[in-house]
Amino acid sequence: MITRRPQVALLAAALLLTGCGGGAAATPERPAAASPTSPAPRISLEVAPQQVPGLGPRTWAQVPSRTRQAVVVTGRGKNSPLSTVVLYERTEAGWQAGESRLAHNALRGWTDHHRAGDLRSPVGVFTLTDAGGLLADPGTRLPYDHGVGFTATGTGFEGEPLAGSFDYVIAINYNREPGTSPLDWTRPLGAGRGGGIWLHVDHDGPTQGCVSIAREHMKELLLALDPDRHPVVVMGDAKSLAR
């Protein structure tokens, strides 16, 4: 039986350290004597990060202004199936990064124009609104569909078993209808543009188009994401994200 919970709050976001420079001061003819009784004030030179590191202007422009949570997936290379995942959250002080997690993406890497069966993950910024899995809802604030439709079978590209891969999933809103089960097959761009792109449990090998991380980290992500914070995933190889 499939159950759904209403969306609640969660949302992650990103970070880019900004530089802070001081102006040159004129040198006096006679240096002032230091006063041991008048110590210089202690001033913090830290500046709150205003953007996710590694994201160029073209990529950053796609992140909605209301987004306060961003799952950033950075691929090792255009044709690599290896990547890292970091959850960034927007705070009053700026964007703060969570732990970096090892991940897999599609067997052949990344593409700006994903098509069904190309074995590449789509590059872009996509909203995150729906979750589900074979296992019961761990307590996420995202709507969660629980059912046997998330049963994974067979073996992966390296002969690894796929069982358990869909124990927890978060639908990536690429060519799908937000607000529906991850299992929904609606494809607004047409079936030829692929779909069913998820964040899911890693099976220790490349995916067909999804992004996968360890089970415990998927559970952590499900508990962290908040619909009220309008979470997105920013994904692609490092060079593409830097554009």
Foldseek 3Di string as FASTA:
>chain_A
DKAWDAAFFFFFFAFDFDDDDDDDDDDDPDDDDDDPVDDDDDDDPGAQTAHHPLFAPVQVVQDDPLGFKEWEWADADQQAQKTWIWIWGQDPRGIDIDDIFIKGFFNREEDCQAWPQPRYAHAHKFWWAAKEACADDPDFSHIYIHDPVQAAADADPVRFTCGQFRRIKIATPDQDDHPDYLPDDHGPVDPGSPGSAIETDDRPDHDSHHMYGHPVVSSVVRRRGHVNNGYMYGYHHSVVSND
